[in-house]
């Protein structure tokens, strides 16, 4: 179950700005599964416009709470942070078996 993170950054300034982003996604055990950093290419985002950032693919198959730390920036020379988020990205729940397998269990085990 590979997934992608998509984040849109909006330029609330009165002139075009070069926007950048970085994020870190961690699995339920706290392991980093994706680190993404990117600065947009010319032409930069105009006043009131949005830029779409897309990360790489990673496996989202482990049940539990996944977290993300994100920073949105303008001006790579000064790396001015304009917004940030750190917290829950999503919660993955284990699949429930099909009805015909819900009662399935090992009732006896013989070692040979």
PDB file of N, CA and C in Angstrom:
ATOM      1  N   UNK A   1       0.826  -1.177   0.000  1.00  0.00           N
ATOM      2  CA  UNK A   1       0.000   0.000   0.000  1.00  0.00           C
ATOM      3  C   UNK A   1       0.873   1.244   0.000  1.00  0.00           C
ATOM      4  N   UNK A   2       1.466   1.566  -1.133  1.00  0.00           N
ATOM      5  CA  UNK A   2       2.300   2.761  -1.217  1.00  0.00           C
ATOM      6  C   UNK A   2       1.434   4.002  -1.343  1.00  0.00           C
ATOM      7  N   UNK A   3       1.856   5.060  -0.681  1.00  0.00           N
ATOM      8  CA  UNK A   3       1.109   6.312  -0.679  1.00  0.00           C
ATOM      9  C   UNK A   3       2.049   7.485  -0.916  1.00  0.00           C
ATOM     10  N   UNK A   4       1.447   8.638  -1.242  1.00  0.00           N
ATOM     11  CA  UNK A   4       2.178   9.888  -1.461  1.00  0.00           C
ATOM     12  C   UNK A   4       1.607  10.971  -0.564  1.00  0.00           C
ATOM     13  N   UNK A   5       2.465  11.864  -0.075  1.00  0.00           N
ATOM     14  CA  UNK A   5       2.002  13.056   0.629  1.00  0.00           C
ATOM     15  C   UNK A   5       1.877  14.170  -0.404  1.00  0.00           C
ATOM     16  N   UNK A   6       0.721  14.853  -0.407  1.00  0.00           N
ATOM     17  CA  UNK A   6       0.477  16.023  -1.258  1.00  0.00           C
ATOM     18  C   UNK A   6       0.187  17.199  -0.333  1.00  0.00           C
ATOM     19  N   UNK A   7       0.899  18.301  -0.491  1.00  0.00           N
ATOM     20  CA  UNK A   7       0.645  19.494   0.318  1.00  0.00           C
ATOM     21  C   UNK A   7       0.613  20.704  -0.603  1.00  0.00           C
ATOM     22  N   UNK A   8      -0.405  21.545  -0.416  1.00  0.00           N
ATOM     23  CA  UNK A   8      -0.519  22.785  -1.175  1.00  0.00           C
ATOM     24  C   UNK A   8      -0.123  23.933  -0.259  1.00  0.00           C
ATOM     25  N   UNK A   9       0.772  24.800  -0.752  1.00  0.00           N
ATOM     26  CA  UNK A   9       1.142  26.008  -0.020  1.00  0.00           C
ATOM     27  C   UNK A   9       0.548  27.209  -0.740  1.00  0.00           C
ATOM     28  N   UNK A  10      -0.042  28.144   0.011  1.00  0.00           N
ATOM     29  CA  UNK A  10      -0.651  29.334  -0.593  1.00  0.00           C
ATOM     30  C   UNK A  10       0.197  30.563  -0.282  1.00  0.00           C
ATOM     31  N   UNK A  11       0.415  31.400  -1.296  1.00  0.00           N
ATOM     32  CA  UNK A  11       1.149  32.651  -1.137  1.00  0.00           C
ATOM     33  C   UNK A  11       0.173  33.755  -0.743  1.00  0.00           C
ATOM     34  N   UNK A  12       0.214  34.165   0.517  1.00  0.00           N
ATOM     35  CA  UNK A  12      -0.651  35.243   1.006  1.00  0.00           C
ATOM     36  C   UNK A  12       0.020  36.614   0.907  1.00  0.00           C
ATOM     37  N   UNK A  13       1.193  36.673   0.302  1.00  0.00           N
ATOM     38  CA  UNK A  13       1.905  37.949   0.130  1.00  0.00           C
ATOM     39  C   UNK A  13       1.311  38.700  -1.066  1.00  0.00           C
ATOM     40  N   UNK A  14       1.690  39.976  -1.212  1.00  0.00           N
ATOM     41  CA  UNK A  14       1.170  40.807  -2.309  1.00  0.00           C
ATOM     42  C   UNK A  14       2.007  40.694  -3.578  1.00  0.00           C
ATOM     43  N   UNK A  15       3.091  39.917  -3.544  1.00  0.00           N
ATOM     44  CA  UNK A  15       3.940  39.726  -4.725  1.00  0.00           C
ATOM     45  C   UNK A  15       4.311  38.252  -4.849  1.00  0.00           C
ATOM     46  N   UNK A  16       4.857  37.883  -6.009  1.00  0.00           N
ATOM     47  CA  UNK A  16       5.270  36.492  -6.232  1.00  0.00           C
ATOM     48  C   UNK A  16       6.355  36.100  -5.226  1.00  0.00           C
ATOM     49  N   UNK A  17       6.284  34.867  -4.750  1.00  0.00           N
ATOM     50  CA  UNK A  17       7.252  34.355  -3.780  1.00  0.00           C
ATOM     51  C   UNK A  17       7.706  32.966  -4.195  1.00  0.00           C
ATOM     52  N   UNK A  18       8.969  32.676  -3.932  1.00  0.00           N
ATOM     53  CA  UNK A  18       9.476  31.319  -4.140  1.00  0.00           C
ATOM     54  C   UNK A  18       9.217  30.533  -2.866  1.00  0.00           C
ATOM     55  N   UNK A  19       8.392  29.503  -2.975  1.00  0.00           N
ATOM     56  CA  UNK A  19       8.034  28.717  -1.798  1.00  0.00           C
ATOM     57  C   UNK A  19       8.815  27.404  -1.745  1.00  0.00           C
ATOM     58  N   UNK A  20       9.107  27.004  -0.538  1.00  0.00           N
ATOM     59  CA  UNK A  20       9.779  25.734  -0.304  1.00  0.00           C
ATOM     60  C   UNK A  20       9.109  24.998   0.837  1.00  0.00           C
ATOM     61  N   UNK A  21       9.405  23.724   0.927  1.00  0.00           N
ATOM     62  CA  UNK A  21       8.766  22.898   1.955  1.00  0.00           C
ATOM     63  C   UNK A  21       9.735  21.814   2.399  1.00  0.00           C
ATOM     64  N   UNK A  22       9.557  21.360   3.617  1.00  0.00           N
ATOM     65  CA  UNK A  22      10.211  20.118   4.031  1.00  0.00           C
ATOM     66  C   UNK A  22       9.286  19.406   4.990  1.00  0.00           C
ATOM     67  N   UNK A  23       9.346  18.077   4.944  1.00  0.00           N
ATOM     68  CA  UNK A  23       8.550  17.280   5.875  1.00  0.00           C
ATOM     69  C   UNK A  23       9.246  15.972   6.173  1.00  0.00           C
ATOM     70  N   UNK A  24       8.875  15.421   7.321  1.00  0.00           N
ATOM     71  CA  UNK A  24       9.365  14.118   7.762  1.00  0.00           C
ATOM     72  C   UNK A  24       8.147  13.315   8.202  1.00  0.00           C
ATOM     73  N   UNK A  25       7.992  12.121   7.630  1.00  0.00           N
ATOM     74  CA  UNK A  25       6.899  11.214   7.993  1.00  0.00           C
ATOM     75  C   UNK A  25       7.496  10.073   8.811  1.00  0.00           C
ATOM     76  N   UNK A  26       6.840   9.765   9.945  1.00  0.00           N
ATOM     77  CA  UNK A  26       7.296   8.661  10.800  1.00  0.00           C
ATOM     78  C   UNK A  26       6.193   7.627  10.950  1.00  0.00           C
ATOM     79  N   UNK A  27       6.609   6.359  10.973  1.00  0.00           N
ATOM     80  CA  UNK A  27       5.643   5.267  11.140  1.00  0.00           C
ATOM     81  C   UNK A  27       5.245   5.148  12.616  1.00  0.00           C
ATOM     82  N   UNK A  28       4.315   4.249  12.943  1.00  0.00           N
ATOM     83  CA  UNK A  28       3.854   4.129  14.332  1.00  0.00           C
ATOM     84  C   UNK A  28       4.952   3.771  15.342  1.00  0.00           C
ATOM     85  N   UNK A  29       6.060   3.202  14.878  1.00  0.00           N
ATOM     86  CA  UNK A  29       7.171   2.866  15.773  1.00  0.00           C
ATOM     87  C   UNK A  29       8.184   4.002  15.896  1.00  0.00           C
ATOM     88  N   UNK A  30       7.931   5.120  15.207  1.00  0.00           N
ATOM     89  CA  UNK A  30       8.828   6.270  15.279  1.00  0.00           C
ATOM     90  C   UNK A  30       9.946   6.274  14.258  1.00  0.00           C
ATOM     91  N   UNK A  31       9.940   5.314  13.333  1.00  0.00           N
ATOM     92  CA  UNK A  31      10.970   5.272  12.299  1.00  0.00           C
ATOM     93  C   UNK A  31      10.619   6.226  11.160  1.00  0.00           C
ATOM     94  N   UNK A  32      11.613   6.944  10.659  1.00  0.00           N
ATOM     95  CA  UNK A  32      11.406   7.849   9.532  1.00  0.00           C
ATOM     96  C   UNK A  32      11.226   7.034   8.262  1.00  0.00           C
ATOM     97  N   UNK A  33      10.099   7.241   7.560  1.00  0.00           N
ATOM     98  CA  UNK A  33       9.832   6.524   6.314  1.00  0.00           C
ATOM     99  C   UNK A  33       9.945   7.446   5.102  1.00  0.00           C
ATOM    100  N   UNK A  34       9.879   8.765   5.331  1.00  0.00           N
ATOM    101  CA  UNK A  34      10.084   9.708   4.226  1.00  0.00           C
ATOM    102  C   UNK A  34      10.582  11.036   4.765  1.00  0.00           C
ATOM    103  N   UNK A  35      11.608  11.569   4.089  1.00  0.00           N
ATOM    104  CA  UNK A  35      12.075  12.936   4.304  1.00  0.00           C
ATOM    105  C   UNK A  35      12.008  13.614   2.948  1.00  0.00           C
ATOM    106  N   UNK A  36      11.331  14.749   2.887  1.00  0.00           N
ATOM    107  CA  UNK A  36      11.167  15.446   1.610  1.00  0.00           C
ATOM    108  C   UNK A  36      11.491  16.918   1.799  1.00  0.00           C
ATOM    109  N   UNK A  37      12.267  17.476   0.866  1.00  0.00           N
ATOM    110  CA  UNK A  37      12.612  18.895   0.878  1.00  0.00           C
ATOM    111  C   UNK A  37      12.628  19.373  -0.569  1.00  0.00           C
ATOM    112  N   UNK A  38      12.039  20.547  -0.807  1.00  0.00           N
ATOM    113  CA  UNK A  38      11.903  21.015  -2.196  1.00  0.00           C
ATOM    114  C   UNK A  38      11.677  22.524  -2.234  1.00  0.00           C
ATOM    115  N   UNK A  39      12.304  23.188  -3.212  1.00  0.00           N
ATOM    116  CA  UNK A  39      12.014  24.593  -3.529  1.00  0.00           C
ATOM    117  C   UNK A  39      11.397  24.629  -4.912  1.00  0.00           C
ATOM    118  N   UNK A  40      10.341  25.430  -5.058  1.00  0.00           N
ATOM    119  CA  UNK A  40       9.674  25.489  -6.361  1.00  0.00           C
ATOM    120  C   UNK A  40      10.589  26.138  -7.397  1.00  0.00           C
ATOM    121  N   UNK A  41      10.385  25.752  -8.651  1.00  0.00           N
ATOM    122  CA  UNK A  41      11.145  26.291  -9.785  1.00  0.00           C
ATOM    123  C   UNK A  41      10.414  27.506 -10.361  1.00  0.00           C
ATOM    124  N   UNK A  42      11.134  28.290 -11.155  1.00  0.00           N
ATOM    125  CA  UNK A  42      10.555  29.456 -11.826  1.00  0.00           C
ATOM    126  C   UNK A  42       9.465  29.013 -12.779  1.00  0.00           C
ATOM    127  N   UNK A  43       8.344  29.651 -12.993  1.00  0.00           N
ATOM    128  CA  UNK A  43       7.963  30.916 -12.343  1.00  0.00           C
ATOM    129  C   UNK A  43       7.429  30.654 -10.941  1.00  0.00           C
ATOM    130  N   UNK A  44       7.720  31.575 -10.032  1.00  0.00           N
ATOM    131  CA  UNK A  44       7.304  31.428  -8.638  1.00  0.00           C
ATOM    132  C   UNK A  44       5.820  31.729  -8.465  1.00  0.00           C
ATOM    133  N   UNK A  45       5.284  31.351  -7.320  1.00  0.00           N
ATOM    134  CA  UNK A  45       3.854  31.486  -7.052  1.00  0.00           C
ATOM    135  C   UNK A  45       3.463  32.947  -6.854  1.00  0.00           C
ATOM    136  N   UNK A  46       2.489  33.399  -7.651  1.00  0.00           N
ATOM    137  CA  UNK A  46       2.009  34.775  -7.566  1.00  0.00           C
ATOM    138  C   UNK A  46       1.139  35.004  -6.335  1.00  0.00           C
ATOM    139  N   UNK A  47       0.841  36.278  -6.082  1.00  0.00           N
ATOM    140  CA  UNK A  47       0.009  36.662  -4.937  1.00  0.00           C
ATOM    141  C   UNK A  47      -1.320  35.907  -4.967  1.00  0.00           C
ATOM    142  N   UNK A  48      -1.666  35.267  -3.857  1.00  0.00           N
ATOM    143  CA  UNK A  48      -2.916  34.519  -3.758  1.00  0.00           C
ATOM    144  C   UNK A  48      -2.886  33.152  -4.412  1.00  0.00           C
ATOM    145  N   UNK A  49      -1.788  32.818  -5.077  1.00  0.00           N
ATOM    146  CA  UNK A  49      -1.681  31.531  -5.771  1.00  0.00           C
ATOM    147  C   UNK A  49      -1.239  30.405  -4.846  1.00  0.00           C
ATOM    148  N   UNK A  50      -1.349  29.183  -5.350  1.00  0.00           N
ATOM    149  CA  UNK A  50      -0.956  27.997  -4.593  1.00  0.00           C
ATOM    150  C   UNK A  50       0.074  27.188  -5.367  1.00  0.00           C
ATOM    151  N   UNK A  51       0.945  26.507  -4.627  1.00  0.00           N
ATOM    152  CA  UNK A  51       1.908  25.586  -5.233  1.00  0.00           C
ATOM    153  C   UNK A  51       1.690  24.204  -4.625  1.00  0.00           C
ATOM    154  N   UNK A  52       1.714  23.189  -5.468  1.00  0.00           N
ATOM    155  CA  UNK A  52       1.457  21.800  -5.075  1.00  0.00           C
ATOM    156  C   UNK A  52       2.793  21.079  -4.910  1.00  0.00           C
ATOM    157  N   UNK A  53       3.058  20.585  -3.722  1.00  0.00           N
ATOM    158  CA  UNK A  53       4.261  19.803  -3.431  1.00  0.00           C
ATOM    159  C   UNK A  53       3.863  18.336  -3.297  1.00  0.00           C
ATOM    160  N   UNK A  54       4.641  17.442  -3.930  1.00  0.00           N
ATOM    161  CA  UNK A  54       4.365  16.003  -3.887  1.00  0.00           C
ATOM    162  C   UNK A  54       5.645  15.279  -3.485  1.00  0.00           C
ATOM    163  N   UNK A  55       5.541  14.408  -2.490  1.00  0.00           N
ATOM    164  CA  UNK A  55       6.697  13.650  -2.034  1.00  0.00           C
ATOM    165  C   UNK A  55       6.865  12.347  -2.789  1.00  0.00           C
ATOM    166  N   UNK A  56       7.731  11.505  -2.259  1.00  0.00           N
ATOM    167  CA  UNK A  56       7.964  10.193  -2.849  1.00  0.00           C
ATOM    168  C   UNK A  56       7.016   9.161  -2.266  1.00  0.00           C
ATOM    169  N   UNK A  57       7.037   7.977  -2.827  1.00  0.00           N
ATOM    170  CA  UNK A  57       6.148   6.898  -2.366  1.00  0.00           C
ATOM    171  C   UNK A  57       6.755   6.195  -1.152  1.00  0.00           C
ATOM    172  N   UNK A  58       5.886   5.809  -0.238  1.00  0.00           N
ATOM    173  CA  UNK A  58       6.308   5.002   0.904  1.00  0.00           C
ATOM    174  C   UNK A  58       5.172   4.067   1.285  1.00  0.00           C
ATOM    175  N   UNK A  59       5.523   2.972   1.960  1.00  0.00           N
ATOM    176  CA  UNK A  59       4.548   1.948   2.341  1.00  0.00           C
ATOM    177  C   UNK A  59       3.799   2.385   3.594  1.00  0.00           C
ATOM    178  N   UNK A  60       2.480   2.356   3.528  1.00  0.00           N
ATOM    179  CA  UNK A  60       1.619   2.779   4.634  1.00  0.00           C
ATOM    180  C   UNK A  60       0.856   1.579   5.187  1.00  0.00           C
ATOM    181  N   UNK A  61       1.492   0.425   5.222  1.00  0.00           N
ATOM    182  CA  UNK A  61       0.794  -0.797   5.605  1.00  0.00           C
ATOM    183  C   UNK A  61       0.820  -1.144   7.080  1.00  0.00           C
ATOM    184  N   UNK A  62       1.589  -0.426   7.887  1.00  0.00           N
ATOM    185  CA  UNK A  62       1.713  -0.771   9.304  1.00  0.00           C
ATOM    186  C   UNK A  62       0.592  -0.120  10.121  1.00  0.00           C
ATOM    187  N   UNK A  63      -0.192  -0.904  10.861  1.00  0.00           N
ATOM    188  CA  UNK A  63      -1.268  -0.333  11.680  1.00  0.00           C
ATOM    189  C   UNK A  63      -0.722   0.570  12.790  1.00  0.00           C
ATOM    190  N   UNK A  64      -1.467   1.622  13.093  1.00  0.00           N
ATOM    191  CA  UNK A  64      -1.087   2.550  14.153  1.00  0.00           C
ATOM    192  C   UNK A  64      -1.167   3.992  13.682  1.00  0.00           C
ATOM    193  N   UNK A  65      -0.675   4.899  14.519  1.00  0.00           N
ATOM    194  CA  UNK A  65      -0.722   6.331  14.228  1.00  0.00           C
ATOM    195  C   UNK A  65       0.573   6.781  13.569  1.00  0.00           C
ATOM    196  N   UNK A  66       0.449   7.361  12.392  1.00  0.00           N
ATOM    197  CA  UNK A  66       1.564   7.900  11.623  1.00  0.00           C
ATOM    198  C   UNK A  66       1.627   9.403  11.864  1.00  0.00           C
ATOM    199  N   UNK A  67       2.849   9.957  11.949  1.00  0.00           N
ATOM    200  CA  UNK A  67       2.989  11.387  12.217  1.00  0.00           C
ATOM    201  C   UNK A  67       3.778  12.082  11.118  1.00  0.00           C
ATOM    202  N   UNK A  68       3.615  13.415  11.062  1.00  0.00           N
ATOM    203  CA  UNK A  68       4.325  14.228  10.084  1.00  0.00           C
ATOM    204  C   UNK A  68       4.726  15.550  10.731  1.00  0.00           C
ATOM    205  N   UNK A  69       5.901  16.039  10.374  1.00  0.00           N
ATOM    206  CA  UNK A  69       6.373  17.376  10.739  1.00  0.00           C
ATOM    207  C   UNK A  69       6.591  18.103   9.417  1.00  0.00           C
ATOM    208  N   UNK A  70       5.932  19.269   9.240  1.00  0.00           N
ATOM    209  CA  UNK A  70       5.990  20.007   7.979  1.00  0.00           C
ATOM    210  C   UNK A  70       6.367  21.452   8.245  1.00  0.00           C
ATOM    211  N   UNK A  71       7.212  22.011   7.386  1.00  0.00           N
ATOM    212  CA  UNK A  71       7.516  23.438   7.420  1.00  0.00           C
ATOM    213  C   UNK A  71       7.366  24.010   6.024  1.00  0.00           C
ATOM    214  N   UNK A  72       6.651  25.139   5.892  1.00  0.00           N
ATOM    215  CA  UNK A  72       6.493  25.849   4.618  1.00  0.00           C
ATOM    216  C   UNK A  72       7.316  27.125   4.710  1.00  0.00           C
ATOM    217  N   UNK A  73       8.100  27.403   3.670  1.00  0.00           N
ATOM    218  CA  UNK A  73       9.052  28.512   3.699  1.00  0.00           C
ATOM    219  C   UNK A  73       8.923  29.395   2.462  1.00  0.00           C
ATOM    220  N   UNK A  74       9.414  30.637   2.589  1.00  0.00           N
ATOM    221  CA  UNK A  74       9.640  31.496   1.428  1.00  0.00           C
ATOM    222  C   UNK A  74      11.089  31.955   1.497  1.00  0.00           C
ATOM    223  N   UNK A  75      11.647  32.310   0.355  1.00  0.00           N
ATOM    224  CA  UNK A  75      12.996  32.858   0.260  1.00  0.00           C
ATOM    225  C   UNK A  75      14.073  31.886   0.722  1.00  0.00           C
ATOM    226  N   UNK A  76      14.615  31.076  -0.196  1.00  0.00           N
ATOM    227  CA  UNK A  76      15.644  30.105   0.197  1.00  0.00           C
ATOM    228  C   UNK A  76      16.888  30.760   0.793  1.00  0.00           C
ATOM    229  N   UNK A  77      17.142  32.024   0.452  1.00  0.00           N
ATOM    230  CA  UNK A  77      18.312  32.712   0.992  1.00  0.00           C
ATOM    231  C   UNK A  77      18.191  32.897   2.505  1.00  0.00           C
ATOM    232  N   UNK A  78      16.980  33.212   2.965  1.00  0.00           N
ATOM    233  CA  UNK A  78      16.774  33.432   4.392  1.00  0.00           C
ATOM    234  C   UNK A  78      15.950  32.350   5.050  1.00  0.00           C
ATOM    235  N   UNK A  79      15.377  31.460   4.251  1.00  0.00           N
ATOM    236  CA  UNK A  79      14.509  30.379   4.741  1.00  0.00           C
ATOM    237  C   UNK A  79      13.537  30.873   5.813  1.00  0.00           C
ATOM    238  N   UNK A  80      12.669  31.773   5.403  1.00  0.00           N
ATOM    239  CA  UNK A  80      11.682  32.340   6.315  1.00  0.00           C
ATOM    240  C   UNK A  80      10.513  31.370   6.446  1.00  0.00           C
ATOM    241  N   UNK A  81      10.300  30.846   7.665  1.00  0.00           N
ATOM    242  CA  UNK A  81       9.189  29.917   7.902  1.00  0.00           C
ATOM    243  C   UNK A  81       7.887  30.704   7.959  1.00  0.00           C
ATOM    244  N   UNK A  82       6.903  30.297   7.150  1.00  0.00           N
ATOM    245  CA  UNK A  82       5.608  30.979   7.139  1.00  0.00           C
ATOM    246  C   UNK A  82       4.494  30.120   7.729  1.00  0.00           C
ATOM    247  N   UNK A  83       4.724  28.830   7.858  1.00  0.00           N
ATOM    248  CA  UNK A  83       3.731  27.958   8.475  1.00  0.00           C
ATOM    249  C   UNK A  83       4.398  26.634   8.838  1.00  0.00           C
ATOM    250  N   UNK A  84       3.824  25.947   9.810  1.00  0.00           N
ATOM    251  CA  UNK A  84       4.364  24.655  10.236  1.00  0.00           C
ATOM    252  C   UNK A  84       3.244  23.827  10.854  1.00  0.00           C
ATOM    253  N   UNK A  85       3.422  22.515  10.796  1.00  0.00           N
ATOM    254  CA  UNK A  85       2.493  21.580  11.433  1.00  0.00           C
ATOM    255  C   UNK A  85       3.287  20.379  11.900  1.00  0.00           C
ATOM    256  N   UNK A  86       2.982  19.919  13.068  1.00  0.00           N
ATOM    257  CA  UNK A  86       3.546  18.684  13.577  1.00  0.00           C
ATOM    258  C   UNK A  86       2.465  17.919  14.295  1.00  0.00           C
ATOM    259  N   UNK A  87       2.225  16.693  13.878  1.00  0.00           N
ATOM    260  CA  UNK A  87       1.192  15.905  14.532  1.00  0.00           C
ATOM    261  C   UNK A  87       0.789  14.701  13.721  1.00  0.00           C
ATOM    262  N   UNK A  88      -0.445  14.276  13.916  1.00  0.00           N
ATOM    263  CA  UNK A  88      -0.957  13.063  13.281  1.00  0.00           C
ATOM    264  C   UNK A  88      -1.145  13.276  11.780  1.00  0.00           C
ATOM    265  N   UNK A  89      -0.592  12.365  10.991  1.00  0.00           N
ATOM    266  CA  UNK A  89      -0.840  12.335   9.548  1.00  0.00           C
ATOM    267  C   UNK A  89      -2.077  11.481   9.286  1.00  0.00           C
ATOM    268  N   UNK A  90      -2.112  10.291   9.886  1.00  0.00           N
ATOM    269  CA  UNK A  90      -3.260   9.399   9.727  1.00  0.00           C
ATOM    270  C   UNK A  90      -3.149   8.262  10.732  1.00  0.00           C
ATOM    271  N   UNK A  91      -4.220   7.513  10.860  1.00  0.00           N
ATOM    272  CA  UNK A  91      -4.217   6.307  11.680  1.00  0.00           C
ATOM    273  C   UNK A  91      -4.643   5.142  10.798  1.00  0.00           C
ATOM    274  N   UNK A  92      -3.800   4.123  10.750  1.00  0.00           N
ATOM    275  CA  UNK A  92      -4.078   2.931   9.948  1.00  0.00           C
ATOM    276  C   UNK A  92      -4.588   1.848  10.892  1.00  0.00           C
ATOM    277  N   UNK A  93      -5.718   1.256  10.551  1.00  0.00           N
ATOM    278  CA  UNK A  93      -6.285   0.175  11.355  1.00  0.00           C
ATOM    279  C   UNK A  93      -6.072  -1.150  10.638  1.00  0.00           C
ATOM    280  N   UNK A  94      -5.885  -2.210  11.424  1.00  0.00           N
ATOM    281  CA  UNK A  94      -5.720  -3.546  10.846  1.00  0.00           C
ATOM    282  C   UNK A  94      -7.004  -3.941  10.127  1.00  0.00           C
ATOM    283  N   UNK A  95      -6.855  -4.647   9.032  1.00  0.00           N
ATOM    284  CA  UNK A  95      -8.014  -5.086   8.248  1.00  0.00           C
ATOM    285  C   UNK A  95      -8.826  -6.112   9.032  1.00  0.00           C
ATOM    286  N   UNK A  96     -10.135  -6.006   8.923  1.00  0.00           N
ATOM    287  CA  UNK A  96     -11.037  -6.980   9.544  1.00  0.00           C
ATOM    288  C   UNK A  96     -11.214  -8.126   8.553  1.00  0.00           C
ATOM    289  N   UNK A  97     -11.046  -9.375   9.011  1.00  0.00           N
ATOM    290  CA  UNK A  97     -11.198 -10.502   8.083  1.00  0.00           C
ATOM    291  C   UNK A  97     -12.601 -10.567   7.479  1.00  0.00           C
ATOM    292  N   UNK A  98     -12.681 -11.179   6.337  1.00  0.00           N
ATOM    293  CA  UNK A  98     -13.976 -11.406   5.691  1.00  0.00           C
ATOM    294  C   UNK A  98     -14.848 -12.244   6.618  1.00  0.00           C
ATOM    295  N   UNK A  99     -16.180 -12.085   6.569  1.00  0.00           N
ATOM    296  CA  UNK A  99     -17.079 -12.802   7.494  1.00  0.00           C
ATOM    297  C   UNK A  99     -16.841 -14.304   7.562  1.00  0.00           C
ATOM    298  N   UNK A 100     -16.533 -14.939   6.432  1.00  0.00           N
ATOM    299  CA  UNK A 100     -16.366 -16.395   6.455  1.00  0.00           C
ATOM    300  C   UNK A 100     -15.098 -16.837   7.198  1.00  0.00           C
ATOM    301  N   UNK A 101     -14.175 -15.903   7.512  1.00  0.00           N
ATOM    302  CA  UNK A 101     -12.947 -16.262   8.224  1.00  0.00           C
ATOM    303  C   UNK A 101     -12.908 -15.734   9.656  1.00  0.00           C
ATOM    304  N   UNK A 102     -13.923 -15.028  10.101  1.00  0.00           N
ATOM    305  CA  UNK A 102     -13.899 -14.421  11.436  1.00  0.00           C
ATOM    306  C   UNK A 102     -13.779 -15.451  12.551  1.00  0.00           C
ATOM    307  N   UNK A 103     -14.368 -16.619  12.392  1.00  0.00           N
ATOM    308  CA  UNK A 103     -14.296 -17.648  13.425  1.00  0.00           C
ATOM    309  C   UNK A 103     -13.110 -18.583  13.252  1.00  0.00           C
ATOM    310  N   UNK A 104     -12.297 -18.374  12.242  1.00  0.00           N
ATOM    311  CA  UNK A 104     -11.177 -19.252  11.939  1.00  0.00           C
ATOM    312  C   UNK A 104     -10.103 -19.125  13.014  1.00  0.00           C
ATOM    313  N   UNK A 105      -9.658 -20.258  13.543  1.00  0.00           N
ATOM    314  CA  UNK A 105      -8.591 -20.259  14.540  1.00  0.00           C
ATOM    315  C   UNK A 105      -7.958 -21.642  14.573  1.00  0.00           C
ATOM    316  N   UNK A 106      -6.737 -21.720  15.065  1.00  0.00           N
ATOM    317  CA  UNK A 106      -6.068 -23.001  15.252  1.00  0.00           C
ATOM    318  C   UNK A 106      -6.604 -23.584  16.554  1.00  0.00           C
ATOM    319  N   UNK A 107      -7.193 -24.762  16.473  1.00  0.00           N
ATOM    320  CA  UNK A 107      -7.757 -25.401  17.672  1.00  0.00           C
ATOM    321  C   UNK A 107      -6.879 -26.531  18.185  1.00  0.00           C
ATOM    322  N   UNK A 108      -5.986 -27.031  17.319  1.00  0.00           N
ATOM    323  CA  UNK A 108      -5.126 -28.126  17.740  1.00  0.00           C
ATOM    324  C   UNK A 108      -3.835 -28.036  16.950  1.00  0.00           C
ATOM    325  N   UNK A 109      -2.742 -28.369  17.624  1.00  0.00           N
ATOM    326  CA  UNK A 109      -1.441 -28.317  16.985  1.00  0.00           C
ATOM    327  C   UNK A 109      -0.680 -29.584  17.349  1.00  0.00           C
ATOM    328  N   UNK A 110      -0.168 -30.304  16.348  1.00  0.00           N
ATOM    329  CA  UNK A 110       0.595 -31.526  16.583  1.00  0.00           C
ATOM    330  C   UNK A 110       1.968 -31.362  15.971  1.00  0.00           C
ATOM    331  N   UNK A 111       3.001 -31.563  16.783  1.00  0.00           N
ATOM    332  CA  UNK A 111       4.368 -31.455  16.297  1.00  0.00           C
ATOM    333  C   UNK A 111       4.862 -32.843  15.937  1.00  0.00           C
ATOM    334  N   UNK A 112       5.444 -33.000  14.739  1.00  0.00           N
ATOM    335  CA  UNK A 112       5.943 -34.308  14.309  1.00  0.00           C
ATOM    336  C   UNK A 112       7.426 -34.361  14.331  1.00  0.00           C
TER     337      UNK A 112
END
